[in-house]
């Protein structure tokens, strides 16, 4: 009977160690992949598929906003995009940047079929991603008052992103 509690304790410790190692490796990967926004990032015009134009400074004035670099060809984006769309539905300012994803109409159709509802820029030639030195999709860039305050890449959960946004709103 005494073996069961010690076995549970041992498994719990192993699980905790795995979580810590995963968190450290994720942080290192994000640091390595972190984009370098251009100096004039805050005033850089973003031309949306809707025909509107906005800037990161306008999008993120006094609040944290999400710039989401994704592609219709990106398999991990298929998991992350609905999460980002949910953030937009919940009132978080979001702009997607569709990287190498084809013509405007193709992106609109893809987003409609996948029930994705957030304003999007077509970066078909990759110039915007190159200017920002984005090296991986999906990339999630949190900005506030026109400045990058946080970055993550890969699969992200809704609550993980909400926590990052909350922390960014508190401290930046």
N, C-alpha and C. Protein backbone atom coordinates (compact mmCIF):
# COMPACT_ATOMS: atom_id res chain seq x y z
N UNK A 1 0.80 -1.20 0.00
CA UNK A 1 0.00 0.00 0.00
C UNK A 1 0.84 1.26 0.00
N UNK A 2 2.00 1.25 0.64
CA UNK A 2 2.82 2.45 0.70
C UNK A 2 3.45 2.78 -0.64
N UNK A 3 3.55 1.80 -1.51
CA UNK A 3 4.19 2.03 -2.81
C UNK A 3 3.37 2.95 -3.71
N UNK A 4 2.06 2.89 -3.65
CA UNK A 4 1.21 3.70 -4.52
C UNK A 4 1.44 5.19 -4.32
N UNK A 5 1.40 5.74 -3.10
CA UNK A 5 1.67 7.17 -2.94
C UNK A 5 3.07 7.57 -3.42
N UNK A 6 4.08 6.73 -3.18
CA UNK A 6 5.42 7.09 -3.63
C UNK A 6 5.51 7.02 -5.15
N UNK A 7 4.76 6.09 -5.76
CA UNK A 7 4.73 5.99 -7.22
C UNK A 7 4.05 7.23 -7.82
N UNK A 8 2.94 7.66 -7.22
CA UNK A 8 2.24 8.86 -7.69
C UNK A 8 3.13 10.09 -7.53
N UNK A 9 3.84 10.16 -6.42
CA UNK A 9 4.75 11.29 -6.19
C UNK A 9 5.86 11.30 -7.24
N UNK A 10 6.40 10.13 -7.55
CA UNK A 10 7.46 10.02 -8.54
C UNK A 10 6.95 10.42 -9.93
N UNK A 11 5.77 9.95 -10.30
CA UNK A 11 5.19 10.32 -11.60
C UNK A 11 4.89 11.81 -11.67
N UNK A 12 4.39 12.37 -10.57
CA UNK A 12 4.10 13.81 -10.53
C UNK A 12 5.36 14.63 -10.71
N UNK A 13 6.43 14.22 -10.05
CA UNK A 13 7.71 14.91 -10.18
C UNK A 13 8.24 14.81 -11.61
N UNK A 14 8.14 13.64 -12.22
CA UNK A 14 8.58 13.47 -13.61
C UNK A 14 7.77 14.35 -14.56
N UNK A 15 6.45 14.40 -14.33
CA UNK A 15 5.59 15.24 -15.16
C UNK A 15 5.96 16.71 -15.01
N UNK A 16 6.19 17.15 -13.78
CA UNK A 16 6.57 18.54 -13.53
C UNK A 16 7.90 18.87 -14.21
N UNK A 17 8.85 17.96 -14.15
CA UNK A 17 10.14 18.18 -14.81
C UNK A 17 9.95 18.30 -16.33
N UNK A 18 9.10 17.44 -16.90
CA UNK A 18 8.85 17.51 -18.34
C UNK A 18 8.21 18.84 -18.73
N UNK A 19 7.27 19.33 -17.92
CA UNK A 19 6.61 20.61 -18.19
C UNK A 19 7.63 21.75 -18.14
N UNK A 20 8.49 21.74 -17.14
CA UNK A 20 9.51 22.79 -17.01
C UNK A 20 10.47 22.75 -18.20
N UNK A 21 10.91 21.57 -18.59
CA UNK A 21 11.82 21.45 -19.74
C UNK A 21 11.13 21.94 -21.01
N UNK A 22 9.86 21.56 -21.20
CA UNK A 22 9.11 22.02 -22.37
C UNK A 22 8.99 23.54 -22.37
N UNK A 23 8.69 24.12 -21.23
CA UNK A 23 8.55 25.58 -21.13
C UNK A 23 9.87 26.28 -21.47
N UNK A 24 10.96 25.75 -20.97
CA UNK A 24 12.28 26.34 -21.25
C UNK A 24 12.61 26.22 -22.73
N UNK A 25 12.38 25.05 -23.32
CA UNK A 25 12.67 24.86 -24.74
C UNK A 25 11.78 25.76 -25.61
N UNK A 26 10.51 25.93 -25.22
CA UNK A 26 9.61 26.82 -25.96
C UNK A 26 10.09 28.26 -25.89
N UNK A 27 10.53 28.69 -24.71
CA UNK A 27 11.02 30.06 -24.54
C UNK A 27 12.28 30.29 -25.38
N UNK A 28 13.17 29.31 -25.41
CA UNK A 28 14.39 29.42 -26.20
C UNK A 28 14.05 29.47 -27.69
N UNK A 29 13.12 28.62 -28.13
CA UNK A 29 12.72 28.62 -29.55
C UNK A 29 12.09 29.96 -29.93
N UNK A 30 11.23 30.49 -29.06
CA UNK A 30 10.63 31.80 -29.35
C UNK A 30 11.69 32.89 -29.40
N UNK A 31 12.65 32.86 -28.49
CA UNK A 31 13.73 33.86 -28.50
C UNK A 31 14.52 33.75 -29.81
N UNK A 32 14.82 32.53 -30.24
CA UNK A 32 15.60 32.31 -31.45
C UNK A 32 14.86 32.80 -32.68
N UNK A 33 13.54 32.57 -32.73
CA UNK A 33 12.71 32.91 -33.89
C UNK A 33 12.15 34.32 -33.85
N UNK A 34 12.38 35.04 -32.78
CA UNK A 34 11.77 36.35 -32.57
C UNK A 34 12.03 37.27 -33.76
N UNK A 35 10.96 37.84 -34.31
CA UNK A 35 11.14 38.77 -35.44
C UNK A 35 11.76 40.08 -34.98
N UNK A 36 12.25 40.83 -35.93
CA UNK A 36 12.80 42.15 -35.65
C UNK A 36 11.96 43.18 -36.42
N UNK A 37 11.01 43.79 -35.73
CA UNK A 37 10.17 44.77 -36.42
C UNK A 37 11.01 45.92 -36.97
N UNK A 38 10.61 46.44 -38.12
CA UNK A 38 11.33 47.59 -38.67
C UNK A 38 11.24 48.80 -37.73
N UNK A 39 12.19 49.68 -37.82
CA UNK A 39 12.24 50.85 -36.95
C UNK A 39 10.94 51.65 -37.03
N UNK A 40 10.40 51.82 -38.21
CA UNK A 40 9.17 52.60 -38.41
C UNK A 40 7.92 51.73 -38.35
N UNK A 41 7.99 50.63 -37.61
CA UNK A 41 6.90 49.68 -37.55
C UNK A 41 5.56 50.31 -37.21
N UNK A 42 5.53 51.19 -36.25
CA UNK A 42 4.26 51.72 -35.76
C UNK A 42 3.49 52.50 -36.83
N UNK A 43 4.21 53.08 -37.79
CA UNK A 43 3.53 53.85 -38.83
C UNK A 43 3.44 53.10 -40.16
N UNK A 44 3.90 51.87 -40.18
CA UNK A 44 3.87 51.03 -41.40
C UNK A 44 2.41 50.74 -41.78
N UNK A 45 1.97 51.16 -42.97
CA UNK A 45 0.58 50.89 -43.34
C UNK A 45 0.34 49.41 -43.59
N UNK A 46 -0.80 48.93 -43.10
CA UNK A 46 -1.24 47.56 -43.34
C UNK A 46 -2.49 47.65 -44.22
N UNK A 47 -2.43 47.07 -45.42
CA UNK A 47 -3.52 47.14 -46.38
C UNK A 47 -4.36 45.86 -46.27
N UNK A 48 -5.54 45.99 -45.70
CA UNK A 48 -6.40 44.85 -45.44
C UNK A 48 -7.14 44.40 -46.69
N UNK A 49 -7.54 43.13 -46.71
CA UNK A 49 -8.33 42.60 -47.82
C UNK A 49 -9.63 43.36 -47.99
N UNK A 50 -10.14 43.94 -46.93
CA UNK A 50 -11.39 44.70 -46.97
C UNK A 50 -11.25 46.04 -47.70
N UNK A 51 -10.00 46.44 -48.00
CA UNK A 51 -9.75 47.72 -48.63
C UNK A 51 -9.35 48.80 -47.64
N UNK A 52 -9.51 48.51 -46.35
CA UNK A 52 -9.12 49.48 -45.33
C UNK A 52 -7.60 49.47 -45.15
N UNK A 53 -7.09 50.56 -44.61
CA UNK A 53 -5.68 50.67 -44.27
C UNK A 53 -5.59 51.09 -42.80
N UNK A 54 -4.70 50.45 -42.07
CA UNK A 54 -4.44 50.88 -40.70
C UNK A 54 -2.97 50.69 -40.40
N UNK A 55 -2.55 51.19 -39.26
CA UNK A 55 -1.15 51.06 -38.84
C UNK A 55 -1.11 50.30 -37.51
N UNK A 56 0.02 49.67 -37.19
CA UNK A 56 0.14 49.02 -35.89
C UNK A 56 -0.12 49.98 -34.72
N UNK A 57 0.30 51.24 -34.87
CA UNK A 57 0.07 52.21 -33.79
C UNK A 57 -1.42 52.44 -33.57
N UNK A 58 -2.17 52.56 -34.64
CA UNK A 58 -3.61 52.77 -34.54
C UNK A 58 -4.31 51.52 -33.99
N UNK A 59 -3.90 50.36 -34.47
CA UNK A 59 -4.48 49.09 -34.03
C UNK A 59 -4.29 48.86 -32.54
N UNK A 60 -3.13 49.28 -32.02
CA UNK A 60 -2.75 48.93 -30.65
C UNK A 60 -2.70 50.13 -29.70
N UNK A 61 -3.38 51.20 -30.04
CA UNK A 61 -3.36 52.40 -29.18
C UNK A 61 -3.97 52.08 -27.82
N UNK A 62 -3.15 52.15 -26.78
CA UNK A 62 -3.56 51.94 -25.38
C UNK A 62 -4.15 50.57 -25.10
N UNK A 63 -3.81 49.58 -25.92
CA UNK A 63 -4.27 48.21 -25.70
C UNK A 63 -3.35 47.26 -26.45
N UNK A 64 -3.37 46.02 -26.03
CA UNK A 64 -2.56 45.01 -26.70
C UNK A 64 -3.34 44.46 -27.89
N UNK A 65 -2.67 44.38 -29.02
CA UNK A 65 -3.27 43.84 -30.24
C UNK A 65 -2.42 42.67 -30.73
N UNK A 66 -2.99 41.88 -31.61
CA UNK A 66 -2.33 40.68 -32.13
C UNK A 66 -2.08 40.84 -33.62
N UNK A 67 -0.82 40.67 -34.02
CA UNK A 67 -0.47 40.50 -35.43
C UNK A 67 -0.16 39.02 -35.59
N UNK A 68 -0.91 38.37 -36.47
CA UNK A 68 -0.83 36.92 -36.62
C UNK A 68 -0.37 36.57 -38.02
N UNK A 69 0.86 36.06 -38.14
CA UNK A 69 1.42 35.68 -39.44
C UNK A 69 1.12 34.20 -39.66
N UNK A 70 0.39 33.91 -40.73
CA UNK A 70 -0.06 32.55 -40.99
C UNK A 70 -0.05 32.28 -42.49
N UNK A 71 -0.32 31.05 -42.86
CA UNK A 71 -0.44 30.70 -44.27
C UNK A 71 -1.46 29.59 -44.45
N UNK A 72 -2.14 29.60 -45.58
CA UNK A 72 -3.12 28.54 -45.84
C UNK A 72 -2.44 27.18 -46.04
N UNK A 73 -1.18 27.18 -46.31
CA UNK A 73 -0.38 25.97 -46.53
C UNK A 73 0.22 25.44 -45.23
N UNK A 74 0.11 26.19 -44.15
CA UNK A 74 0.75 25.88 -42.86
C UNK A 74 -0.17 24.96 -42.05
N UNK A 75 0.27 23.74 -41.80
CA UNK A 75 -0.56 22.77 -41.08
C UNK A 75 -0.79 23.17 -39.62
N UNK A 76 0.20 23.71 -38.97
CA UNK A 76 0.02 24.14 -37.57
C UNK A 76 -0.92 25.34 -37.51
N UNK A 77 -0.90 26.19 -38.52
CA UNK A 77 -1.81 27.34 -38.57
C UNK A 77 -3.27 26.88 -38.56
N UNK A 78 -3.53 25.70 -39.11
CA UNK A 78 -4.90 25.18 -39.12
C UNK A 78 -5.42 24.98 -37.70
N UNK A 79 -4.53 24.76 -36.74
CA UNK A 79 -4.92 24.63 -35.34
C UNK A 79 -4.94 25.98 -34.62
N UNK A 80 -4.03 26.86 -34.99
CA UNK A 80 -3.88 28.14 -34.30
C UNK A 80 -4.87 29.18 -34.81
N UNK A 81 -5.20 29.17 -36.09
CA UNK A 81 -6.08 30.19 -36.67
C UNK A 81 -7.45 30.27 -35.99
N UNK A 82 -8.12 29.16 -35.67
CA UNK A 82 -9.40 29.28 -34.96
C UNK A 82 -9.25 29.94 -33.58
N UNK A 83 -8.13 29.72 -32.92
CA UNK A 83 -7.86 30.36 -31.64
C UNK A 83 -7.75 31.87 -31.82
N UNK A 84 -7.03 32.29 -32.83
CA UNK A 84 -6.86 33.72 -33.11
C UNK A 84 -8.21 34.33 -33.51
N UNK A 85 -8.98 33.60 -34.30
CA UNK A 85 -10.31 34.09 -34.68
C UNK A 85 -11.20 34.27 -33.45
N UNK A 86 -11.09 33.36 -32.50
CA UNK A 86 -11.87 33.49 -31.25
C UNK A 86 -11.45 34.73 -30.47
N UNK A 87 -10.15 35.04 -30.46
CA UNK A 87 -9.69 36.27 -29.81
C UNK A 87 -10.36 37.48 -30.44
N UNK A 88 -10.41 37.49 -31.78
CA UNK A 88 -11.03 38.61 -32.49
C UNK A 88 -12.52 38.70 -32.16
N UNK A 89 -13.17 37.55 -32.11
CA UNK A 89 -14.60 37.52 -31.77
C UNK A 89 -14.84 38.08 -30.36
N UNK A 90 -13.86 37.89 -29.47
CA UNK A 90 -13.99 38.35 -28.09
C UNK A 90 -13.52 39.79 -27.90
N UNK A 91 -13.25 40.50 -29.00
CA UNK A 91 -12.93 41.92 -28.91
C UNK A 91 -11.46 42.28 -28.86
N UNK A 92 -10.58 41.31 -28.95
CA UNK A 92 -9.14 41.61 -29.00
C UNK A 92 -8.83 42.08 -30.43
N UNK A 93 -8.14 43.23 -30.58
CA UNK A 93 -7.79 43.67 -31.94
C UNK A 93 -6.79 42.70 -32.57
N UNK A 94 -7.15 42.18 -33.72
CA UNK A 94 -6.33 41.18 -34.42
C UNK A 94 -6.21 41.59 -35.88
N UNK A 95 -5.01 41.43 -36.44
CA UNK A 95 -4.81 41.52 -37.88
C UNK A 95 -3.97 40.32 -38.29
N UNK A 96 -4.49 39.57 -39.23
CA UNK A 96 -3.75 38.44 -39.78
C UNK A 96 -2.91 38.90 -40.95
N UNK A 97 -1.78 38.24 -41.13
CA UNK A 97 -0.93 38.48 -42.29
C UNK A 97 -0.77 37.15 -42.99
N UNK A 98 -1.48 36.98 -44.10
CA UNK A 98 -1.49 35.72 -44.85
C UNK A 98 -0.24 35.68 -45.73
N UNK A 99 0.69 34.85 -45.35
CA UNK A 99 2.00 34.76 -46.00
C UNK A 99 1.97 33.73 -47.13
N UNK A 100 2.35 34.15 -48.33
CA UNK A 100 2.43 33.26 -49.50
C UNK A 100 1.18 32.39 -49.65
N UNK A 101 0.02 33.00 -49.55
CA UNK A 101 -1.23 32.22 -49.57
C UNK A 101 -2.09 32.47 -50.80
N UNK A 102 -1.57 33.15 -51.80
CA UNK A 102 -2.31 33.31 -53.04
C UNK A 102 -3.01 34.65 -53.15
N UNK A 103 -3.92 34.70 -54.10
CA UNK A 103 -4.65 35.93 -54.42
C UNK A 103 -5.64 36.27 -53.32
N UNK A 104 -6.05 37.53 -53.30
CA UNK A 104 -6.99 38.01 -52.29
C UNK A 104 -8.25 37.15 -52.21
N UNK A 105 -8.84 36.84 -53.37
CA UNK A 105 -10.08 36.06 -53.39
C UNK A 105 -9.87 34.66 -52.82
N UNK A 106 -8.72 34.07 -53.10
CA UNK A 106 -8.42 32.74 -52.54
C UNK A 106 -8.38 32.80 -51.00
N UNK A 107 -7.75 33.84 -50.48
CA UNK A 107 -7.65 33.99 -49.02
C UNK A 107 -9.04 34.21 -48.42
N UNK A 108 -9.85 35.04 -49.05
CA UNK A 108 -11.22 35.27 -48.56
C UNK A 108 -12.02 33.96 -48.54
N UNK A 109 -11.90 33.19 -49.61
CA UNK A 109 -12.62 31.91 -49.70
C UNK A 109 -12.12 30.95 -48.63
N UNK A 110 -10.81 30.85 -48.49
CA UNK A 110 -10.22 29.96 -47.48
C UNK A 110 -10.72 30.34 -46.08
N UNK A 111 -10.67 31.63 -45.76
CA UNK A 111 -11.09 32.08 -44.44
C UNK A 111 -12.57 31.82 -44.21
N UNK A 112 -13.38 32.00 -45.24
CA UNK A 112 -14.81 31.75 -45.13
C UNK A 112 -15.08 30.26 -44.89
N UNK A 113 -14.41 29.41 -45.65
CA UNK A 113 -14.58 27.95 -45.50
C UNK A 113 -14.15 27.46 -44.13
N UNK A 114 -13.14 28.09 -43.56
CA UNK A 114 -12.60 27.68 -42.25
C UNK A 114 -13.24 28.45 -41.10
N UNK A 115 -14.19 29.34 -41.43
CA UNK A 115 -14.89 30.16 -40.42
C UNK A 115 -13.93 31.03 -39.62
N UNK A 116 -12.98 31.64 -40.33
CA UNK A 116 -12.01 32.55 -39.71
C UNK A 116 -12.48 33.96 -39.94
N UNK A 117 -12.57 34.73 -38.87
CA UNK A 117 -13.14 36.06 -38.98
C UNK A 117 -12.24 37.08 -38.28
N UNK A 118 -11.18 37.48 -38.97
CA UNK A 118 -10.33 38.56 -38.49
C UNK A 118 -9.77 39.29 -39.71
N UNK A 119 -9.57 40.61 -39.59
CA UNK A 119 -9.02 41.37 -40.73
C UNK A 119 -7.67 40.80 -41.13
N UNK A 120 -7.42 40.79 -42.44
CA UNK A 120 -6.20 40.14 -42.93
C UNK A 120 -5.54 40.95 -44.04
N UNK A 121 -4.22 40.91 -44.02
CA UNK A 121 -3.36 41.50 -45.05
C UNK A 121 -2.86 40.36 -45.92
N UNK A 122 -2.84 40.55 -47.23
CA UNK A 122 -2.27 39.55 -48.13
C UNK A 122 -0.79 39.87 -48.35
N UNK A 123 0.07 39.03 -47.80
CA UNK A 123 1.52 39.18 -48.00
C UNK A 123 1.98 38.08 -48.96
N UNK A 124 1.38 38.09 -50.15
CA UNK A 124 1.62 37.02 -51.11
C UNK A 124 3.07 36.91 -51.53
N UNK A 125 3.76 38.03 -51.63
CA UNK A 125 5.17 38.00 -52.04
C UNK A 125 6.13 37.88 -50.87
N UNK A 126 5.63 37.94 -49.65
CA UNK A 126 6.46 37.76 -48.46
C UNK A 126 7.26 38.99 -48.04
N UNK A 127 7.03 40.12 -48.68
CA UNK A 127 7.82 41.32 -48.36
C UNK A 127 7.61 41.80 -46.93
N UNK A 128 6.36 41.78 -46.47
CA UNK A 128 6.08 42.24 -45.11
C UNK A 128 6.75 41.31 -44.09
N UNK A 129 6.61 40.01 -44.26
CA UNK A 129 7.24 39.06 -43.35
C UNK A 129 8.76 39.20 -43.40
N UNK A 130 9.31 39.43 -44.59
CA UNK A 130 10.75 39.62 -44.72
C UNK A 130 11.19 40.90 -44.02
N UNK A 131 10.42 41.96 -44.16
CA UNK A 131 10.74 43.24 -43.52
C UNK A 131 10.76 43.08 -41.99
N UNK A 132 9.86 42.24 -41.48
CA UNK A 132 9.77 41.99 -40.04
C UNK A 132 10.71 40.88 -39.58
N UNK A 133 11.36 40.22 -40.55
CA UNK A 133 12.25 39.08 -40.26
C UNK A 133 11.51 37.95 -39.54
N UNK A 134 10.30 37.67 -40.02
CA UNK A 134 9.52 36.54 -39.51
C UNK A 134 10.04 35.29 -40.20
N UNK A 135 10.46 34.31 -39.41
CA UNK A 135 11.09 33.12 -39.98
C UNK A 135 10.24 31.86 -39.87
N UNK A 136 9.08 31.94 -39.23
CA UNK A 136 8.28 30.74 -39.01
C UNK A 136 6.80 31.10 -38.94
N UNK A 137 5.96 30.18 -39.38
CA UNK A 137 4.52 30.34 -39.21
C UNK A 137 4.01 29.16 -38.40
N UNK A 138 3.01 29.36 -37.60
CA UNK A 138 2.42 30.64 -37.27
C UNK A 138 3.30 31.45 -36.32
N UNK A 139 3.26 32.75 -36.47
CA UNK A 139 3.94 33.67 -35.56
C UNK A 139 2.89 34.62 -34.99
N UNK A 140 2.90 34.79 -33.71
CA UNK A 140 1.95 35.67 -33.04
C UNK A 140 2.75 36.78 -32.36
N UNK A 141 2.53 38.00 -32.83
CA UNK A 141 3.24 39.17 -32.33
C UNK A 141 2.24 40.04 -31.58
N UNK A 142 2.51 40.26 -30.30
CA UNK A 142 1.66 41.15 -29.51
C UNK A 142 2.28 42.54 -29.55
N UNK A 143 1.47 43.52 -29.88
CA UNK A 143 1.94 44.90 -29.95
C UNK A 143 1.06 45.78 -29.06
N UNK A 144 1.67 46.80 -28.51
CA UNK A 144 0.93 47.79 -27.73
C UNK A 144 1.53 49.15 -28.02
N UNK A 145 0.69 50.10 -28.32
CA UNK A 145 1.12 51.46 -28.68
C UNK A 145 2.16 51.43 -29.80
N UNK A 146 1.95 50.51 -30.75
CA UNK A 146 2.81 50.44 -31.93
C UNK A 146 4.13 49.72 -31.73
N UNK A 147 4.37 49.14 -30.56
CA UNK A 147 5.65 48.46 -30.29
C UNK A 147 5.41 46.99 -29.96
N UNK A 148 6.32 46.13 -30.43
CA UNK A 148 6.22 44.72 -30.11
C UNK A 148 6.52 44.53 -28.62
N UNK A 149 5.61 43.84 -27.91
CA UNK A 149 5.82 43.59 -26.48
C UNK A 149 5.99 42.11 -26.17
N UNK A 150 5.56 41.24 -27.09
CA UNK A 150 5.71 39.80 -26.87
C UNK A 150 5.62 39.08 -28.21
N UNK A 151 6.22 37.90 -28.25
CA UNK A 151 6.20 37.09 -29.46
C UNK A 151 6.13 35.62 -29.07
N UNK A 152 5.37 34.86 -29.83
CA UNK A 152 5.40 33.41 -29.69
C UNK A 152 5.15 32.80 -31.06
N UNK A 153 5.50 31.55 -31.21
CA UNK A 153 5.30 30.86 -32.48
C UNK A 153 4.80 29.45 -32.21
N UNK A 154 4.23 28.85 -33.24
CA UNK A 154 3.72 27.49 -33.10
C UNK A 154 2.32 27.47 -32.54
N UNK A 155 1.92 26.31 -32.07
CA UNK A 155 0.57 26.14 -31.52
C UNK A 155 0.44 26.94 -30.23
N UNK A 156 -0.64 27.67 -30.12
CA UNK A 156 -0.94 28.44 -28.92
C UNK A 156 -2.38 28.21 -28.53
N UNK A 157 -2.63 28.13 -27.24
CA UNK A 157 -4.00 27.95 -26.77
C UNK A 157 -4.67 29.31 -26.58
N UNK A 158 -5.98 29.28 -26.56
CA UNK A 158 -6.74 30.50 -26.32
C UNK A 158 -6.36 31.12 -24.98
N UNK A 159 -6.37 30.31 -23.93
CA UNK A 159 -6.09 30.85 -22.59
C UNK A 159 -4.63 31.25 -22.43
N UNK A 160 -3.73 30.57 -23.13
CA UNK A 160 -2.33 30.99 -23.10
C UNK A 160 -2.14 32.36 -23.73
N UNK A 161 -2.82 32.59 -24.86
CA UNK A 161 -2.74 33.90 -25.50
C UNK A 161 -3.45 34.96 -24.68
N UNK A 162 -4.60 34.62 -24.10
CA UNK A 162 -5.31 35.59 -23.25
C UNK A 162 -4.43 36.00 -22.07
N UNK A 163 -3.71 35.05 -21.49
CA UNK A 163 -2.81 35.36 -20.36
C UNK A 163 -1.69 36.30 -20.82
N UNK A 164 -1.11 36.04 -21.98
CA UNK A 164 -0.05 36.91 -22.50
C UNK A 164 -0.58 38.32 -22.77
N UNK A 165 -1.79 38.40 -23.31
CA UNK A 165 -2.40 39.70 -23.59
C UNK A 165 -2.67 40.43 -22.28
N UNK A 166 -3.19 39.72 -21.28
CA UNK A 166 -3.46 40.32 -19.97
C UNK A 166 -2.18 40.87 -19.35
N UNK A 167 -1.12 40.09 -19.38
CA UNK A 167 0.17 40.52 -18.82
C UNK A 167 0.71 41.73 -19.59
N UNK A 168 0.58 41.70 -20.90
CA UNK A 168 1.04 42.83 -21.72
C UNK A 168 0.25 44.10 -21.40
N UNK A 169 -1.05 43.94 -21.20
CA UNK A 169 -1.87 45.11 -20.83
C UNK A 169 -1.47 45.68 -19.46
N UNK A 170 -1.06 44.82 -18.56
CA UNK A 170 -0.66 45.27 -17.21
C UNK A 170 0.69 45.96 -17.19
N UNK A 171 1.66 45.41 -17.92
CA UNK A 171 3.04 45.85 -17.74
C UNK A 171 3.61 46.72 -18.85
N UNK A 172 2.89 46.91 -19.95
CA UNK A 172 3.45 47.72 -21.04
C UNK A 172 2.57 48.91 -21.33
